[in-house]
Protein backbone atom coordinates (compact mmCIF):
# COMPACT_ATOMS: atom_id res chain seq x y z
CA UNK A 1 19.33 -15.19 -41.03
CA UNK A 2 17.90 -11.77 -39.13
CA UNK A 3 19.99 -9.87 -36.27
CA UNK A 4 17.58 -7.51 -34.34
CA UNK A 5 19.24 -4.75 -32.55
CA UNK A 6 16.74 -3.18 -30.05
CA UNK A 7 15.82 -1.85 -26.48
CA UNK A 8 12.96 -1.38 -24.51
CA UNK A 9 11.66 1.65 -26.10
CA UNK A 10 8.29 2.04 -28.05
CA UNK A 11 10.23 1.91 -31.33
CA UNK A 12 12.47 -0.86 -30.12
CA UNK A 13 9.29 -3.09 -29.28
CA UNK A 14 8.12 -1.96 -32.50
CA UNK A 15 11.07 -3.75 -34.31
CA UNK A 16 10.74 -6.99 -32.07
CA UNK A 17 7.22 -7.24 -32.38
CA UNK A 18 7.59 -7.22 -36.17
CA UNK A 19 9.97 -9.95 -36.10
CA UNK A 20 8.24 -12.07 -33.84
CA UNK A 21 4.67 -11.50 -36.46
CA UNK A 22 6.83 -12.30 -39.17
CA UNK A 23 7.70 -16.12 -37.69
CA UNK A 24 11.24 -15.82 -39.14
CA UNK A 25 14.29 -17.00 -37.17
CA UNK A 26 15.98 -14.08 -35.81
CA UNK A 27 19.01 -13.34 -33.30
CA UNK A 28 18.27 -10.61 -30.69
CA UNK A 29 20.96 -8.15 -29.69
CA UNK A 30 20.65 -5.51 -26.72
CA UNK A 31 21.51 -2.06 -27.17
CA UNK A 32 21.42 -0.75 -24.00
CA UNK A 33 20.34 3.24 -24.07
CA UNK A 34 20.63 3.56 -20.75
CA UNK A 35 24.56 2.72 -21.09
CA UNK A 36 24.73 5.11 -24.30
CA UNK A 37 25.46 1.88 -26.29
CA UNK A 38 23.90 3.15 -28.94
CA UNK A 39 26.45 5.97 -29.86
CA UNK A 40 29.18 3.30 -29.35
CA UNK A 41 31.28 2.84 -32.67
CA UNK A 42 30.63 -0.68 -32.70
CA UNK A 43 27.15 0.04 -33.00
CA UNK A 44 27.40 2.97 -35.41
CA UNK A 45 28.90 0.51 -37.84
CA UNK A 46 25.93 -1.25 -38.13
CA UNK A 47 23.33 1.55 -37.34
CA UNK A 48 24.70 4.66 -39.28
CA UNK A 49 21.59 6.96 -37.18
CA UNK A 50 22.77 5.50 -33.97
CA UNK A 51 19.18 4.46 -33.35
CA UNK A 52 17.50 1.56 -32.62
CA UNK A 53 15.68 -0.85 -33.63
CA UNK A 54 18.15 -1.83 -36.69
CA UNK A 55 17.54 -4.95 -38.55
CA UNK A 56 20.42 -6.76 -40.43
CA UNK A 57 18.98 -9.61 -42.71
CA UNK A 58 21.84 -11.80 -44.37
CA UNK A 59 19.63 -12.80 -47.09
CA UNK A 60 18.16 -9.38 -48.07
CA UNK A 61 16.78 -8.52 -51.81
CA UNK A 62 18.37 -10.85 -54.21
CA UNK A 63 20.06 -12.88 -51.70
CA UNK A 64 22.50 -9.95 -50.70
CA UNK A 65 22.68 -8.65 -47.04
CA UNK A 66 20.75 -5.28 -46.21
CA UNK A 67 20.70 -3.13 -43.01
CA UNK A 68 17.55 -1.19 -42.06
CA UNK A 69 17.25 1.56 -39.39
CA UNK A 70 13.98 2.25 -38.93
CA UNK A 71 10.72 0.52 -37.24
CA UNK A 72 8.41 1.64 -39.63
CA UNK A 73 10.44 0.25 -42.71
CA UNK A 74 11.39 -2.98 -40.52
CA UNK A 75 7.62 -3.82 -40.06
CA UNK A 76 7.07 -3.26 -43.71
CA UNK A 77 10.02 -5.04 -44.78
CA UNK A 78 9.38 -8.37 -42.42
CA UNK A 79 5.62 -8.43 -43.26
CA UNK A 80 6.62 -8.71 -46.99
CA UNK A 81 9.21 -11.14 -46.45
CA UNK A 82 7.27 -13.43 -44.43
CA UNK A 83 3.88 -12.76 -46.47
CA UNK A 84 2.28 -12.86 -42.70
CA UNK A 85 -0.46 -10.84 -44.18
CA UNK A 86 0.17 -7.63 -42.01
CA UNK A 87 1.08 -5.70 -45.10
CA UNK A 88 -1.61 -5.87 -47.78
CA UNK A 89 -1.27 -6.69 -51.59
CA UNK A 90 -3.96 -4.78 -52.87
CA UNK A 91 -2.84 -1.14 -53.88
CA UNK A 92 -6.09 0.51 -52.64
CA UNK A 93 -5.37 -1.14 -49.50
CA UNK A 94 -1.48 -0.42 -49.31
CA UNK A 95 -2.02 3.26 -49.34
CA UNK A 96 -4.38 3.16 -46.27
CA UNK A 97 -1.83 0.97 -44.76
CA UNK A 98 0.81 3.21 -45.73
CA UNK A 99 -0.66 6.58 -44.72
CA UNK A 100 -1.84 5.19 -41.00
CA UNK A 101 1.61 3.78 -40.45
CA UNK A 102 3.17 6.92 -41.49
CA UNK A 103 0.97 8.45 -38.93
CA UNK A 104 1.73 6.22 -35.96
CA UNK A 105 5.36 6.82 -36.89
CA UNK A 106 5.31 10.75 -37.53
CA UNK A 107 2.33 12.09 -35.77
CA UNK A 108 0.87 10.14 -32.98
CA UNK A 109 4.27 8.46 -31.41
CA UNK A 110 6.49 11.76 -31.21
CA UNK A 111 3.21 13.75 -29.79
CA UNK A 112 3.05 11.50 -27.08
CA UNK A 113 6.79 11.07 -26.08
CA UNK A 114 6.91 14.62 -24.32
CA UNK A 115 4.07 13.61 -22.03
CA UNK A 116 5.44 10.44 -21.04
CA UNK A 117 9.10 12.02 -20.51
CA UNK A 118 7.38 15.01 -18.34
CA UNK A 119 5.26 12.46 -16.19
CA UNK A 120 8.00 10.11 -15.47
CA UNK A 121 11.56 11.26 -16.05
CA UNK A 122 11.87 15.35 -15.42
CA UNK A 123 11.83 16.16 -11.99
CA UNK A 124 9.92 19.35 -11.04
CA UNK A 125 6.38 20.66 -11.94
CA UNK A 126 6.74 21.94 -15.20
CA UNK A 127 2.75 22.25 -15.24
CA UNK A 128 2.63 24.68 -18.28
CA UNK A 129 4.55 22.06 -20.16
CA UNK A 130 2.46 19.35 -19.25
CA UNK A 131 -0.86 21.05 -19.67
CA UNK A 132 0.44 21.97 -23.42
CA UNK A 133 1.63 18.30 -24.26
CA UNK A 134 -1.57 16.74 -22.66
CA UNK A 135 -3.75 18.74 -24.69
CA UNK A 136 -1.81 17.36 -27.65
CA UNK A 137 -1.96 13.64 -26.66
CA UNK A 138 -5.75 13.69 -25.65
CA UNK A 139 -6.34 15.27 -29.12
CA UNK A 140 -4.29 12.27 -30.66
CA UNK A 141 -6.09 9.76 -28.56
CA UNK A 142 -9.58 11.31 -29.37
CA UNK A 143 -8.53 11.02 -32.93
CA UNK A 144 -7.80 7.45 -32.88
CA UNK A 145 -10.90 6.52 -30.83
CA UNK A 146 -13.09 8.34 -33.87
CA UNK A 147 -11.08 6.30 -36.33
CA UNK A 148 -11.98 3.10 -34.35
CA UNK A 149 -15.43 3.67 -33.69
CA UNK A 150 -16.62 1.63 -37.21
CA UNK A 151 -13.79 -0.59 -37.49
CA UNK A 152 -11.82 -3.03 -35.75
CA UNK A 153 -8.45 -1.81 -36.75
CA UNK A 154 -6.84 1.29 -38.09
CA UNK A 155 -6.33 1.13 -41.63
CA UNK A 156 -8.05 -1.62 -42.89
CA UNK A 157 -10.62 -4.20 -41.23
CA UNK A 158 -7.69 -6.64 -40.30
CA UNK A 159 -4.67 -5.94 -38.20
CA UNK A 160 -1.52 -4.47 -40.20
CA UNK A 161 1.39 -2.70 -39.66
CA UNK A 162 -0.41 0.55 -39.07
CA UNK A 163 -1.80 -1.20 -36.03
CA UNK A 164 1.90 -1.89 -34.61
CA UNK A 165 3.03 1.25 -35.38
CA UNK A 166 0.53 2.68 -32.77
CA UNK A 167 0.11 0.28 -30.47
CA UNK A 168 3.47 0.44 -28.36
CA UNK A 169 2.93 4.06 -27.96
CA UNK A 170 -0.74 3.15 -26.33
CA UNK A 171 1.00 0.37 -24.67
CA UNK A 172 2.97 3.55 -22.55
CA UNK A 173 -0.47 5.07 -21.55
CA UNK A 174 0.33 4.33 -17.75
CA UNK A 175 3.15 6.38 -18.02
CA UNK A 176 1.39 9.15 -19.93
CA UNK A 177 -1.47 9.21 -17.20
CA UNK A 178 -4.08 8.57 -19.97
CA UNK A 179 -7.14 7.07 -18.92
CA UNK A 180 -7.82 4.27 -21.57
CA UNK A 181 -11.27 4.50 -20.30
CA UNK A 182 -12.16 7.47 -21.68
CA UNK A 183 -10.94 5.93 -25.36
CA UNK A 184 -13.35 3.40 -25.32
CA UNK A 185 -12.55 2.46 -28.96
CA UNK A 186 -9.03 2.45 -28.57
CA UNK A 187 -9.22 -0.01 -25.25
CA UNK A 188 -11.04 -2.30 -27.00
CA UNK A 189 -8.64 -2.54 -30.06
CA UNK A 190 -5.70 -2.13 -27.38
CA UNK A 191 -6.97 -5.49 -25.56
CA UNK A 192 -7.45 -7.25 -29.00
CA UNK A 193 -3.63 -6.39 -29.67
CA UNK A 194 -2.45 -7.03 -26.67
CA UNK A 195 -3.70 -10.36 -26.46
CA UNK A 196 -1.69 -11.78 -29.40
CA UNK A 197 1.31 -14.11 -28.62
CA UNK A 198 3.76 -12.69 -30.85
CA UNK A 199 2.91 -9.30 -29.52
CA UNK A 200 3.41 -10.51 -25.91
CA UNK A 201 6.83 -11.75 -26.91
CA UNK A 202 7.68 -8.51 -28.56
CA UNK A 203 7.11 -6.61 -25.45
CA UNK A 204 9.07 -9.39 -23.24
CA UNK A 205 12.03 -7.17 -21.46
CA UNK A 206 15.14 -7.02 -23.29
CA UNK A 207 18.13 -7.42 -20.99
CA UNK A 208 21.69 -6.43 -21.51
């Protein structure tokens, strides 16, 4: 059995989309970041990083329990475990998926986070900071738009974990005050993924 510990953030939603796309049964546990539940000892015993999401698989490799603490590894692990096709078997395609999934995890998401915070959570004008991070965000969206100009999905010609790694951040475009109309390839790709039933379930609000 899988136990997913998560909250309503882009990284947390990646974890929930991963389990929903896997089709495997799981228990959902809310970790309320607003109430700082992630830093409580009870959660630290599950996730040493005190971050969400985390996944406990009672039937991990070799039938032994395993705990995973990063959304990127959770995406890849569940795709491999379920054989749902979101992680390819071809070595060349694996490298394409790995490098673009890493781009989503390490470049795209962190590059957008400050702008979302400045626009929605941090009081004051902050004009200089907003201009700096908006420029960064627009370059990231432009890169993604160019990548999607001649392909339906980011890494290879089908939906993979690399797409999920970017999707939950694009899903916050309203918070970032980014107009997807300026990035038509991103908009087309975003709408295709948003329509997936497993993605809709993965975006459902976690209450707790």
